[in-house]
Amino acid sequence: MSDVNGGMDQPPMGDGEAPSPWANPSGAPEAPGTESGPPASDVPASSGATPTWVSATTSAGGDPPVGTDGSGKGKGGKGKGGKVALIVVALLVVIGGGVAAALLLGGEDEPTAAELFAASKKFVAQATTATVSGSGTVETGDLGQAPGRGDKVGESGTTVVQRLKLKGQVAWPDRSLMRLDLGSGGVTEALVVAGEVYTRQAEKAAGLDDVLWAKHELPPGVVNPDHGGPILDPNDPSSGGPLALAELLAVAKAPKTFTRDGSAYVLALDLDPKDVLPDPEQTGVAFDRMTLTLRTEKDGRILGYTLVQRGDSVHSDITVNFVWGAKVSIEAPASDELDATPQVNEEAIGAFDASPVLVPAAIPSGWLLTLADVAPADQTAEGCEEVTIDYESPGDSESGYLYLYVFNTDCEGLDLVPPPGAEDFRPGKAGEGYVVGSPDDGWLAQFVVGGTVIQADTDLNPEELAQVMERLVVFDPGQQPGEIAGIGIATQVG
C-alpha cells in the first residue's frame, strides 16, 4: 500500500478509525435515491445543514433492462439515442445554516474579492491530500422557463430528481478514490491513479469488495489523453471530481465582490460551459449556464465549492466539504483484482445453451463491443432468454450502433411472419429472414441460421448490415472481431 501523508499525524483509515473517507462529516441524512416530483430547483437554499461536497458521474435517466425497450418487451426502435450519455457533474450548494449572507464592500481588515480568489487558487495549487463528502441532485426531464426567474424549472411531476451522495479521498495531483451512492440506483466507485481510471459497481456498498475493478479504456480520439480538452468530460471519469478544482478555478471569471456566511467568505464565480464541457453533439446534453461558488477562510483555505449546471433537460446541484491534510492510501488494483472483460457477462453467456451464440466475424472499423449479456425471459418480447450483443461507434451519442438478440428457434414466442413493409433479408448463404425500417428511424432485421434466431436493431442500412452479417462465428469474448472499412459511422473527436 502506498501511503500519501498530507502532513497531519493521523492513523491510517480503517473500520472504526478516523478519518474515514466514507464518514459523513456533514451529519446530513443518507437517503439517496430516485424520485419524481417537485423540481430540485424548488428545494430551499437554506436548511441549517453544514455545507457538503460532491462530484458525481451519473446518468440522465437510465437505460432500459438489457435487451428491452424499458417496457419489458420488444426491441423496436431501441436506437442509440436511448442510451443516454453519462453526465459528469460537480456542484456545491451553499447551505447557510439559517444565517443570511450580507454583502461586504470591504473594510481595512477585509481582503478584496480579487485577493480571496488569488489566495484560493494558491491554496489549491499547494494542496496535498483531503477527504471529501457530499450530496446533491440531478434533475432531468422537460424543464421550462420559470416566469420572472433566470432559472429553468419543470412543472411538478414532469421531471425526475436523482438524489446522490459521494464520499472519497484525494491525493493531489493525480490520485483519487470516490464512491457514488445513487440509492436504489446502486453504488459506484471510481479510482484514478496517475491518469489510469478504474471503476466497479454493486447494488449496495457492502458488495463492492466482491466486485472486480474494470479499467476504464477511453476509445482512441474521443478525448485528449493529456487532458487538454474539456475539464468535465462524460467519457472520462478522471476529468471530474476534486482533482479538477484547480482547472475550474483557472477558467473561472474573477469575482468583483464577495459575501459573508458567518466566518466564511463566499465567492460566486461564473464559468463559460464552452471552457468546461465537451461539445453537446458528443454527449447529447447541453448546459447554458454554470456557476462555481467557493466558501473559503480569510487566507484562501477552501471549505467547499459549488458548481451549478443548468440546461433545458438537466439541472445538477451538488454539495461539498473538504477535510484537508488527511492520511490517505490510494493505489492501482492488483492484477487479480481486475476484470479483463468488464462489458461481458461471461458467467451468464457460458450458461446459455439454448443455441449457438452467433455474432459477426467483423464489424465496421472503429466500432467496439460495449455489451454482452443474457436478458431474462420476462424482459424479452418472445418470452425466452436471449443473448444481447451490442456494438457501438465511440464518441457519438446518437449514431453508429448494432444491437443483436440471439435465441433458439424453439422459443414459443417467436414470430416468423414479416411485418408490413418488410423486405427479404438474406445475409450470406445460410441466413434467411426480413428487414424493415427507414434511414431516419433505423432498421430492424430478423433471420434464422440453423437453429439460431438473430435479431438486429441498427442504423446500418440493409446492404451494410448484410455485409456485416455475411460471415458469422461463435461468440468468444477473448477474440477481437475484424474490421470492415468504409461502412457505418465511427466518430472520432480529436
Protein backbone atom coordinates (compact mmCIF):
# COMPACT_ATOMS: atom_id res chain seq x y z
CA MET A 1 0.00 0.00 0.00
CA SER A 2 1.48 3.38 -0.90
CA ASP A 3 0.55 5.99 1.69
CA VAL A 4 0.45 9.69 0.98
CA ASN A 5 0.65 11.76 4.15
CA GLY A 6 -0.76 15.23 3.95
CA GLY A 7 1.10 16.46 6.99
CA MET A 8 -1.40 15.61 9.74
CA ASP A 9 -0.37 12.99 12.29
CA GLN A 10 -3.40 10.74 11.98
CA PRO A 11 -3.80 6.94 11.99
CA PRO A 12 -4.47 5.07 8.72
CA MET A 13 -8.11 4.74 7.81
CA GLY A 14 -9.97 1.59 8.70
CA ASP A 15 -13.11 0.30 10.35
CA GLY A 16 -13.86 2.47 13.34
CA GLU A 17 -10.84 4.70 12.72
CA ALA A 18 -10.69 8.33 11.68
CA PRO A 19 -10.61 9.94 9.28
CA SER A 20 -12.63 7.57 7.09
CA PRO A 21 -13.39 8.68 3.52
CA TRP A 22 -16.78 7.03 3.90
CA ALA A 23 -17.68 9.04 7.02
CA ASN A 24 -20.46 11.65 6.91
CA PRO A 25 -18.95 14.80 8.44
CA SER A 26 -21.96 16.88 7.44
CA GLY A 27 -24.36 14.81 9.50
CA ALA A 28 -26.81 15.04 6.60
CA PRO A 29 -29.30 12.17 6.23
CA GLU A 30 -28.03 9.40 3.97
CA ALA A 31 -31.10 8.59 1.92
CA PRO A 32 -30.16 8.97 -1.74
CA GLY A 33 -32.47 7.66 -4.42
CA THR A 34 -34.60 8.47 -7.40
CA GLU A 35 -37.96 10.14 -7.07
CA SER A 36 -40.48 12.11 -9.02
CA GLY A 37 -41.66 15.44 -8.09
CA PRO A 38 -41.02 18.81 -7.18
CA PRO A 39 -38.05 20.08 -9.15
CA ALA A 40 -34.64 20.25 -7.50
CA SER A 41 -34.63 23.99 -8.11
CA ASP A 42 -37.52 24.37 -5.67
CA VAL A 43 -35.53 22.95 -2.75
CA PRO A 44 -34.95 25.74 -0.18
CA ALA A 45 -31.48 27.23 -0.35
CA SER A 46 -31.04 27.27 3.42
CA SER A 47 -31.80 24.33 5.66
CA GLY A 48 -29.47 24.77 8.60
CA ALA A 49 -27.21 21.93 7.48
CA THR A 50 -23.45 22.20 7.15
CA PRO A 51 -22.24 22.51 3.54
CA THR A 52 -21.00 19.28 1.99
CA TRP A 53 -19.34 18.45 -1.30
CA VAL A 54 -19.94 16.04 -4.17
CA SER A 55 -18.69 15.40 -7.67
CA ALA A 56 -20.53 12.68 -9.50
CA THR A 57 -20.86 10.76 -12.69
CA THR A 58 -24.46 9.77 -13.20
CA SER A 59 -26.92 9.06 -15.96
CA ALA A 60 -29.65 11.43 -17.02
CA GLY A 61 -32.39 8.89 -16.93
CA GLY A 62 -31.30 5.30 -17.41
CA ASP A 63 -31.06 2.50 -19.92
CA PRO A 64 -33.94 0.01 -20.06
CA PRO A 65 -33.26 -3.55 -18.91
CA VAL A 66 -30.84 -5.47 -21.10
CA GLY A 67 -32.40 -6.36 -24.42
CA THR A 68 -35.61 -4.40 -23.91
CA ASP A 69 -37.10 -1.02 -24.60
CA GLY A 70 -37.89 -0.43 -20.94
CA SER A 71 -41.36 -1.94 -21.10
CA GLY A 72 -40.01 -5.43 -20.51
CA LYS A 73 -40.69 -6.45 -24.11
CA GLY A 74 -39.85 -5.51 -27.63
CA LYS A 75 -36.85 -4.21 -29.48
CA GLY A 76 -38.48 -1.85 -31.94
CA GLY A 77 -36.67 1.42 -32.35
CA LYS A 78 -34.34 0.99 -29.40
CA GLY A 79 -31.83 3.17 -31.20
CA LYS A 80 -28.63 4.57 -29.78
CA GLY A 81 -30.48 7.67 -28.61
CA GLY A 82 -31.96 5.52 -25.85
CA LYS A 83 -28.53 5.09 -24.31
CA VAL A 84 -28.31 8.42 -22.54
CA ALA A 85 -24.78 9.78 -22.30
CA LEU A 86 -23.13 9.95 -18.90
CA ILE A 87 -23.11 13.38 -17.33
CA VAL A 88 -20.10 14.34 -15.23
CA VAL A 89 -21.44 16.86 -12.70
CA ALA A 90 -19.82 18.71 -9.80
CA LEU A 91 -21.89 21.16 -7.83
CA LEU A 92 -21.66 22.94 -4.50
CA VAL A 93 -24.84 24.31 -2.94
CA VAL A 94 -24.04 26.68 -0.11
CA ILE A 95 -26.46 25.94 2.71
CA GLY A 96 -26.06 28.89 5.02
CA GLY A 97 -27.05 27.37 8.33
CA GLY A 98 -30.01 29.73 8.51
CA VAL A 99 -27.75 32.83 8.66
CA ALA A 100 -28.45 35.44 6.00
CA ALA A 101 -25.35 36.38 3.98
CA ALA A 102 -24.57 40.10 3.92
CA LEU A 103 -22.73 41.85 1.12
CA LEU A 104 -19.44 43.34 2.27
CA LEU A 105 -17.94 46.29 0.49
CA GLY A 106 -14.55 45.67 2.09
CA GLY A 107 -13.06 47.38 5.11
CA GLU A 108 -9.49 47.93 6.21
CA ASP A 109 -9.28 44.46 7.77
CA GLU A 110 -11.11 42.67 4.97
CA PRO A 111 -9.46 41.19 1.86
CA THR A 112 -10.81 42.13 -1.53
CA ALA A 113 -12.65 39.62 -3.72
CA ALA A 114 -9.65 39.51 -6.05
CA GLU A 115 -7.32 38.77 -3.12
CA LEU A 116 -9.56 35.97 -1.85
CA PHE A 117 -9.77 34.46 -5.33
CA ALA A 118 -6.00 34.56 -5.78
CA ALA A 119 -5.43 33.06 -2.33
CA SER A 120 -7.89 30.25 -3.06
CA LYS A 121 -6.13 29.34 -6.30
CA LYS A 122 -2.79 29.32 -4.49
CA PHE A 123 -4.24 27.10 -1.75
CA VAL A 124 -5.48 24.51 -4.26
CA ALA A 125 -2.16 24.58 -6.12
CA GLN A 126 -0.40 23.64 -2.87
CA ALA A 127 -2.95 21.01 -1.77
CA THR A 128 -1.64 17.56 -0.87
CA THR A 129 -4.42 15.33 0.48
CA ALA A 130 -8.04 15.56 1.58
CA THR A 131 -11.10 13.50 2.36
CA VAL A 132 -14.37 14.71 0.87
CA SER A 133 -18.05 14.07 1.45
CA GLY A 134 -21.14 15.32 -0.26
CA SER A 135 -24.69 15.06 -1.53
CA GLY A 136 -26.67 16.51 -4.38
CA THR A 137 -29.36 16.20 -7.01
CA VAL A 138 -29.57 15.76 -10.76
CA GLU A 139 -32.96 16.69 -12.21
CA THR A 140 -33.86 15.52 -15.71
CA GLY A 141 -36.92 15.97 -17.86
CA ASP A 142 -38.79 18.66 -19.75
CA LEU A 143 -37.55 21.78 -17.98
CA GLY A 144 -39.27 25.04 -18.98
CA GLN A 145 -38.53 28.68 -18.28
CA ALA A 146 -39.82 29.93 -14.92
CA PRO A 147 -41.57 33.33 -15.24
CA GLY A 148 -39.60 36.15 -13.64
CA ARG A 149 -36.60 33.95 -12.85
CA GLY A 150 -33.36 33.18 -14.59
CA ASP A 151 -33.59 29.54 -13.57
CA LYS A 152 -35.30 26.82 -15.57
CA VAL A 153 -37.68 24.60 -13.62
CA GLY A 154 -40.12 21.88 -14.56
CA GLU A 155 -43.74 21.57 -13.59
CA SER A 156 -44.44 19.27 -10.67
CA GLY A 157 -44.46 15.63 -11.79
CA THR A 158 -42.82 16.29 -15.17
CA THR A 159 -39.24 15.69 -14.08
CA VAL A 160 -37.26 13.06 -12.22
CA VAL A 161 -34.89 14.01 -9.40
CA GLN A 162 -31.94 11.70 -8.72
CA ARG A 163 -30.53 12.22 -5.24
CA LEU A 164 -26.97 11.11 -4.67
CA LYS A 165 -24.16 11.06 -2.12
CA LEU A 166 -20.41 10.88 -2.60
CA LYS A 167 -17.51 10.17 -0.27
CA GLY A 168 -13.87 9.81 -1.04
CA GLN A 169 -10.23 10.71 -0.64
CA VAL A 170 -7.78 12.60 -2.82
CA ALA A 171 -4.01 12.87 -3.15
CA TRP A 172 -3.02 15.66 -5.50
CA PRO A 173 -2.00 15.89 -8.26
CA ASP A 174 -3.20 12.60 -9.75
CA ARG A 175 -4.87 10.19 -7.29
CA SER A 176 -8.42 9.91 -6.06
CA LEU A 177 -10.90 7.29 -4.84
CA MET A 178 -14.57 8.27 -4.98
CA ARG A 179 -17.72 6.36 -4.01
CA LEU A 180 -21.02 7.49 -5.53
CA ASP A 181 -24.23 6.23 -3.90
CA LEU A 182 -27.40 6.52 -6.00
CA GLY A 183 -29.60 4.70 -3.51
CA SER A 184 -31.79 2.31 -5.49
CA GLY A 185 -29.56 3.03 -8.50
CA GLY A 186 -26.63 1.26 -6.87
CA VAL A 187 -23.15 2.27 -5.72
CA THR A 188 -20.17 3.05 -7.96
CA GLU A 189 -16.50 3.51 -7.07
CA ALA A 190 -14.07 5.34 -9.36
CA LEU A 191 -10.33 5.08 -8.75
CA VAL A 192 -7.82 7.36 -10.51
CA VAL A 193 -4.08 6.65 -10.27
CA ALA A 194 -1.65 8.60 -12.45
CA GLY A 195 -4.12 9.00 -15.30
CA GLU A 196 -5.40 5.41 -15.20
CA VAL A 197 -9.10 5.07 -14.32
CA TYR A 198 -10.79 2.04 -12.73
CA THR A 199 -14.45 1.57 -11.81
CA ARG A 200 -16.67 -1.02 -10.13
CA GLN A 201 -20.37 -1.17 -9.27
CA ALA A 202 -22.67 -3.01 -6.88
CA GLU A 203 -26.24 -2.75 -5.63
CA LYS A 204 -25.03 -1.92 -2.12
CA ALA A 205 -21.76 -0.57 -0.72
CA ALA A 206 -21.23 -3.79 1.23
CA GLY A 207 -20.99 -5.71 -2.05
CA LEU A 208 -18.25 -3.62 -3.66
CA ASP A 209 -15.37 -5.65 -2.22
CA ASP A 210 -16.70 -8.73 -4.04
CA VAL A 211 -16.60 -6.97 -7.44
CA LEU A 212 -13.53 -6.82 -9.67
CA TRP A 213 -12.27 -3.45 -10.90
CA ALA A 214 -12.76 -2.59 -14.57
CA LYS A 215 -10.14 -0.46 -16.27
CA HIS A 216 -11.85 2.46 -18.00
CA GLU A 217 -10.49 2.37 -21.54
CA LEU A 218 -11.01 5.59 -23.48
CA PRO A 219 -11.65 4.99 -27.21
CA PRO A 220 -8.87 6.49 -29.36
CA GLY A 221 -9.53 10.07 -30.40
CA VAL A 222 -12.60 10.58 -28.20
CA VAL A 223 -10.84 12.64 -25.54
CA ASN A 224 -7.43 14.20 -25.21
CA PRO A 225 -5.32 11.80 -23.10
CA ASP A 226 -3.30 14.75 -21.79
CA HIS A 227 -6.45 16.48 -20.53
CA GLY A 228 -6.01 19.31 -22.97
CA GLY A 229 -9.71 19.12 -23.73
CA PRO A 230 -12.81 19.62 -21.56
CA ILE A 231 -12.36 19.77 -17.79
CA LEU A 232 -15.55 17.78 -17.11
CA ASP A 233 -15.95 15.09 -19.78
CA PRO A 234 -18.60 12.35 -19.51
CA ASN A 235 -16.32 9.99 -21.44
CA ASP A 236 -13.56 10.35 -18.86
CA PRO A 237 -14.25 9.86 -15.12
CA SER A 238 -10.77 11.14 -14.25
CA SER A 239 -11.66 14.59 -15.62
CA GLY A 240 -14.18 15.39 -12.86
CA GLY A 241 -14.14 15.49 -9.10
CA PRO A 242 -11.79 17.30 -6.70
CA LEU A 243 -8.79 16.76 -8.97
CA ALA A 244 -10.43 19.20 -11.42
CA LEU A 245 -10.80 22.06 -8.92
CA ALA A 246 -7.61 23.86 -9.95
CA GLU A 247 -8.64 23.65 -13.62
CA LEU A 248 -12.08 25.05 -12.84
CA LEU A 249 -10.60 27.99 -10.95
CA ALA A 250 -8.19 28.66 -13.81
CA VAL A 251 -11.04 29.28 -16.28
CA ALA A 252 -13.47 30.95 -13.86
CA LYS A 253 -14.13 34.67 -14.23
CA ALA A 254 -12.68 36.68 -11.33
CA PRO A 255 -15.35 37.89 -8.87
CA LYS A 256 -15.90 41.59 -8.17
CA THR A 257 -17.48 41.16 -4.73
CA PHE A 258 -17.98 38.56 -2.03
CA THR A 259 -20.50 37.81 0.70
CA ARG A 260 -20.09 36.54 4.24
CA ASP A 261 -21.65 33.44 5.75
CA GLY A 262 -20.67 33.56 9.41
CA SER A 263 -16.88 33.44 9.44
CA ALA A 264 -16.69 32.11 5.88
CA TYR A 265 -16.19 34.15 2.72
CA VAL A 266 -18.39 33.25 -0.26
CA LEU A 267 -17.22 33.88 -3.83
CA ALA A 268 -19.62 33.33 -6.75
CA LEU A 269 -17.70 32.66 -9.97
CA ASP A 270 -19.14 32.46 -13.48
CA LEU A 271 -18.00 29.75 -15.88
CA ASP A 272 -18.46 29.52 -19.62
CA PRO A 273 -19.74 25.99 -20.40
CA LYS A 274 -17.64 26.01 -23.58
CA ASP A 275 -14.50 26.22 -21.42
CA VAL A 276 -15.53 23.33 -19.19
CA LEU A 277 -17.73 20.85 -21.06
CA PRO A 278 -17.39 18.86 -24.30
CA ASP A 279 -19.39 19.54 -27.43
CA PRO A 280 -23.07 18.73 -26.73
CA GLU A 281 -23.14 16.81 -30.01
CA GLN A 282 -20.75 14.34 -28.38
CA THR A 283 -22.60 13.93 -25.10
CA GLY A 284 -26.24 14.55 -26.02
CA VAL A 285 -26.56 17.00 -23.11
CA ALA A 286 -26.16 20.79 -23.25
CA PHE A 287 -25.77 23.28 -20.40
CA ASP A 288 -26.22 27.00 -20.98
CA ARG A 289 -25.24 28.27 -17.53
CA MET A 290 -22.66 27.27 -14.92
CA THR A 291 -21.77 28.90 -11.61
CA LEU A 292 -18.92 27.94 -9.28
CA THR A 293 -19.27 29.09 -5.67
CA LEU A 294 -16.40 28.89 -3.19
CA ARG A 295 -16.61 29.02 0.61
CA THR A 296 -13.21 29.99 1.96
CA GLU A 297 -11.43 31.23 5.04
CA LYS A 298 -9.71 34.61 5.03
CA ASP A 299 -6.38 33.07 3.97
CA GLY A 300 -7.95 31.30 0.96
CA ARG A 301 -8.35 27.88 2.58
CA ILE A 302 -11.33 26.35 0.76
CA LEU A 303 -14.06 24.90 2.95
CA GLY A 304 -16.18 23.80 -0.01
CA TYR A 305 -17.19 24.72 -3.51
CA THR A 306 -20.30 24.69 -5.71
CA LEU A 307 -20.71 24.05 -9.42
CA VAL A 308 -24.29 24.62 -10.58
CA GLN A 309 -25.14 23.45 -14.10
CA ARG A 310 -28.35 24.40 -15.89
CA GLY A 311 -29.74 23.24 -19.24
CA ASP A 312 -33.05 22.63 -20.98
CA SER A 313 -33.18 18.97 -19.95
CA VAL A 314 -30.79 18.68 -17.00
CA HIS A 315 -30.23 20.61 -13.76
CA SER A 316 -27.44 19.49 -11.46
CA ASP A 317 -26.69 20.70 -7.94
CA ILE A 318 -24.04 19.07 -5.75
CA THR A 319 -22.77 19.93 -2.25
CA VAL A 320 -19.18 19.60 -0.92
CA ASN A 321 -16.93 19.52 2.19
CA PHE A 322 -13.16 19.13 2.36
CA VAL A 323 -11.12 17.77 5.28
CA TRP A 324 -7.57 18.75 4.37
CA GLY A 325 -4.31 17.02 5.22
CA ALA A 326 -5.70 13.57 6.00
CA LYS A 327 -3.58 10.47 5.61
CA VAL A 328 -4.86 8.54 2.60
CA SER A 329 -3.95 5.31 0.79
CA ILE A 330 -4.71 5.16 -2.93
CA GLU A 331 -3.12 2.63 -5.28
CA ALA A 332 -3.98 0.83 -8.51
CA PRO A 333 -5.71 -2.56 -8.23
CA ALA A 334 -3.56 -5.68 -8.34
CA SER A 335 -3.81 -7.86 -11.45
CA ASP A 336 -6.06 -10.38 -9.69
CA GLU A 337 -8.46 -7.54 -8.77
CA LEU A 338 -9.05 -6.55 -12.42
CA ASP A 339 -11.81 -7.75 -14.75
CA ALA A 340 -10.26 -8.15 -18.20
CA THR A 341 -13.65 -8.01 -19.99
CA PRO A 342 -16.00 -5.90 -17.85
CA GLN A 343 -18.51 -5.40 -20.66
CA VAL A 344 -19.04 -9.17 -20.96
CA ASN A 345 -21.05 -11.32 -18.53
CA GLU A 346 -19.03 -14.48 -19.11
CA GLU A 347 -20.86 -16.50 -16.48
CA ALA A 348 -24.32 -15.82 -17.92
CA ILE A 349 -23.29 -16.35 -21.53
CA GLY A 350 -21.38 -19.52 -20.63
CA ALA A 351 -24.54 -20.93 -19.04
CA PHE A 352 -26.68 -20.11 -22.11
CA ASP A 353 -27.10 -23.39 -24.01
CA ALA A 354 -30.34 -22.84 -25.95
CA SER A 355 -28.46 -22.21 -29.20
CA PRO A 356 -25.02 -21.22 -30.50
CA VAL A 357 -24.33 -17.53 -29.88
CA LEU A 358 -23.53 -16.39 -33.42
CA VAL A 359 -22.01 -12.93 -33.99
CA PRO A 360 -20.31 -11.13 -36.89
CA ALA A 361 -16.73 -12.09 -37.60
CA ALA A 362 -16.07 -8.43 -38.47
CA ILE A 363 -17.71 -5.08 -37.61
CA PRO A 364 -17.34 -1.54 -39.00
CA SER A 365 -13.90 -0.03 -38.44
CA GLY A 366 -13.65 1.88 -35.18
CA TRP A 367 -16.68 0.23 -33.56
CA LEU A 368 -16.39 -1.50 -30.19
CA LEU A 369 -18.12 -4.32 -28.32
CA THR A 370 -19.91 -2.46 -25.49
CA LEU A 371 -22.14 -5.18 -24.01
CA ALA A 372 -22.55 -8.96 -23.97
CA ASP A 373 -25.12 -10.32 -21.53
CA VAL A 374 -28.21 -12.51 -21.21
CA ALA A 375 -31.68 -10.96 -20.96
CA PRO A 376 -34.10 -12.91 -18.72
CA ALA A 377 -37.21 -14.36 -20.34
CA ASP A 378 -39.51 -11.87 -18.62
CA GLN A 379 -37.62 -8.99 -20.24
CA THR A 380 -37.90 -10.09 -23.86
CA ALA A 381 -40.73 -9.83 -26.38
CA GLU A 382 -40.58 -13.56 -27.15
CA GLY A 383 -40.63 -14.68 -23.51
CA CYS A 384 -37.37 -16.61 -23.82
CA GLU A 385 -33.85 -15.99 -22.58
CA GLU A 386 -31.82 -14.13 -25.21
CA VAL A 387 -28.17 -13.19 -25.51
CA THR A 388 -27.72 -9.47 -26.18
CA ILE A 389 -24.63 -8.26 -28.02
CA ASP A 390 -24.04 -4.51 -28.53
CA TYR A 391 -21.55 -2.88 -30.90
CA GLU A 392 -21.25 0.91 -31.00
CA SER A 393 -19.26 3.72 -32.55
CA PRO A 394 -17.39 5.58 -29.76
CA GLY A 395 -17.73 9.30 -29.24
CA ASP A 396 -21.21 9.60 -30.77
CA SER A 397 -24.31 9.59 -28.57
CA GLU A 398 -26.78 9.29 -31.47
CA SER A 399 -25.46 7.15 -34.32
CA GLY A 400 -23.30 4.16 -35.07
CA TYR A 401 -24.88 1.12 -33.40
CA LEU A 402 -25.70 -2.56 -33.94
CA TYR A 403 -27.65 -4.37 -31.20
CA LEU A 404 -28.09 -8.15 -31.64
CA TYR A 405 -30.51 -10.53 -29.88
CA VAL A 406 -29.73 -14.24 -30.22
CA PHE A 407 -32.01 -17.13 -29.19
CA ASN A 408 -33.30 -20.56 -30.25
CA THR A 409 -35.89 -21.24 -32.96
CA ASP A 410 -37.81 -23.38 -30.43
CA CYS A 411 -38.82 -20.26 -28.49
CA GLU A 412 -42.65 -20.34 -28.32
CA GLY A 413 -42.98 -16.58 -28.68
CA LEU A 414 -41.00 -16.42 -31.94
CA ASP A 415 -42.95 -14.78 -34.76
CA LEU A 416 -41.55 -15.58 -38.21
CA VAL A 417 -44.22 -13.62 -40.12
CA PRO A 418 -42.67 -10.47 -41.66
CA PRO A 419 -44.37 -7.21 -40.58
CA PRO A 420 -45.98 -4.91 -43.18
CA GLY A 421 -43.43 -3.19 -45.39
CA ALA A 422 -40.69 -5.74 -44.70
CA GLU A 423 -38.30 -6.90 -47.41
CA ASP A 424 -36.38 -10.16 -47.78
CA PHE A 425 -33.06 -10.24 -45.95
CA ARG A 426 -30.56 -12.98 -46.79
CA PRO A 427 -27.09 -12.34 -45.36
CA GLY A 428 -24.57 -14.90 -46.54
CA LYS A 429 -25.55 -18.34 -47.76
CA ALA A 430 -27.25 -19.63 -44.62
CA GLY A 431 -29.33 -16.73 -43.30
CA GLU A 432 -32.91 -16.11 -44.33
CA GLY A 433 -35.36 -13.55 -42.96
CA TYR A 434 -36.58 -9.98 -43.35
CA VAL A 435 -35.62 -6.34 -42.71
CA VAL A 436 -37.90 -3.35 -42.10
CA GLY A 437 -37.31 0.31 -41.28
CA SER A 438 -36.07 3.56 -42.75
CA PRO A 439 -32.92 5.72 -42.79
CA ASP A 440 -34.49 8.12 -40.28
CA ASP A 441 -35.78 5.52 -37.81
CA GLY A 442 -33.16 2.79 -38.22
CA TRP A 443 -33.62 -0.81 -39.32
CA LEU A 444 -34.89 -3.98 -37.65
CA ALA A 445 -33.91 -7.35 -39.09
CA GLN A 446 -34.66 -10.94 -38.16
CA PHE A 447 -33.15 -14.02 -39.78
CA VAL A 448 -32.58 -17.68 -38.99
CA VAL A 449 -29.32 -19.63 -39.27
CA GLY A 450 -29.84 -23.31 -38.49
CA GLY A 451 -31.47 -23.43 -35.05
CA THR A 452 -30.46 -19.88 -34.13
CA VAL A 453 -32.55 -16.73 -34.48
CA ILE A 454 -30.68 -13.43 -34.82
CA GLN A 455 -32.49 -10.11 -34.50
CA ALA A 456 -30.71 -6.84 -35.26
CA ASP A 457 -31.52 -3.23 -34.32
CA THR A 458 -29.17 -0.86 -36.16
CA ASP A 459 -28.62 2.32 -38.13
CA LEU A 460 -26.59 0.41 -40.73
CA ASN A 461 -28.56 0.30 -43.97
CA PRO A 462 -29.70 -3.15 -45.18
CA GLU A 463 -26.79 -3.50 -47.60
CA GLU A 464 -24.25 -2.67 -44.89
CA LEU A 465 -25.99 -4.94 -42.40
CA ALA A 466 -25.90 -7.83 -44.87
CA GLN A 467 -22.17 -7.24 -45.33
CA VAL A 468 -21.57 -7.35 -41.57
CA MET A 469 -23.75 -10.43 -41.01
CA GLU A 470 -22.44 -12.34 -44.04
CA ARG A 471 -19.86 -14.28 -42.01
CA LEU A 472 -20.81 -15.43 -38.51
CA VAL A 473 -18.74 -17.04 -35.77
CA VAL A 474 -19.49 -18.35 -32.27
CA PHE A 475 -19.04 -15.54 -29.76
CA ASP A 476 -15.67 -15.57 -27.97
CA PRO A 477 -15.08 -12.68 -25.53
CA GLY A 478 -11.33 -13.12 -25.88
CA GLN A 479 -11.41 -12.77 -29.66
CA GLN A 480 -11.46 -9.28 -31.18
CA PRO A 481 -13.69 -9.01 -34.27
CA GLY A 482 -12.18 -8.00 -37.57
CA GLU A 483 -12.85 -4.61 -39.16
CA ILE A 484 -14.79 -3.62 -42.27
CA ALA A 485 -13.71 -0.28 -43.72
CA GLY A 486 -16.00 2.21 -45.42
CA ILE A 487 -19.30 1.43 -43.71
CA GLY A 488 -21.05 2.74 -40.61
CA ILE A 489 -20.12 5.86 -38.68
CA ALA A 490 -17.10 5.94 -36.36
CA THR A 491 -16.99 9.47 -34.94
CA GLN A 492 -13.57 10.36 -33.61
CA VAL A 493 -13.32 13.69 -31.80
CA GLY A 494 -9.74 14.94 -31.70
